[in-house]
Amino acid sequence: MNTVTAMLLTIIGGSYNKDANCQIALTILRLMHDPAHLNLSYVAKASLTSSSSVNKFCRQLGFGNFAEMKALIMSGLRVREEQIAYRSRLFDEKEVLARLNTLSSAPFDPARFRESAMDLVQAMAASQEIVLMGAAYPLALSMNLQEDLNTFGKVAYGHPLSLSVHYDDIGQDCLVILLSMTGRLYEFSKKEFDGLCRHCHHIYIVSGFQGYPHYESIHGILPLPLNDDREDGNQMFVEVFYYLKYLYYMHYVRRM
């Protein structure tokens, strides 16, 4: 069964044009940990729409009204928090690094990978909002990471790409995480990539390609041990997202 968070992320991540439904979903996502403002009138105002449109949005997702959706958001967050706490006890960093090594098609340095991953996790913790960008499949594989970051109280969502990199509707101070197995996101859209790096102030890249140009906005690269385009790379993204999620949880959630 999907959580309300997952449903909202699916709407946002599938919206090439930020229409009214996408804006409502984003607003609710941003207010999930602020129950005092998570009400019908406030969501409508923040989404630049009407209360009737927000209720219509809720009915389209199978809820009777906004109040029913809110109740399920609150209960869903509690259940998800308990689930994450249980799974965190099963997390074994050495096992994840070993699986990454097995999937590698290029030399893998666990110490360097861990240092880069911690740098990215620190950037995630310091950010107001996280936007993940990349090809459709790696972005879809990040859904679990997105959902759990929102459970932790960190707004995160996917930004779908069409035929090239577009970024005008991304806030300049968001942390943008670019997902690109072999660097095609840069190599086939260099003009748009340049525009993104000039528009956004905080960018981190997760990629097997290391030949990106220098920009002040690119704060680091989490290197994937890949030297070609292969199906194993998709499995590697899953392991990387798992690793990042639990580093974040261990350092910024569990100790709170």
Foldseek 3Di string as FASTA:
>chain_A
DDAVLLVLQVVLQVDLDCDLLVLLSLLCLLCLVPVVQQDQCNSQVSSVHHSVVQQVSCVVVPDNGSVRSSVRSVVVLVVVVVVVVVVLVVDDVVVLLVVLCVLFPADDDVVVLVVQLVVVLVVQVPAQAEEEEEADLLQVLLSVLQSVCSSLVHHYHYNYDDPADDDPPPQQRHEYEYEDAACCNCVVHVVNVVVNLVRHQAYEYEYCHDPDDDGNNHPYYNHRNYDDDDPSSSVNSNSSSVVSSSVNCVPPNPVD
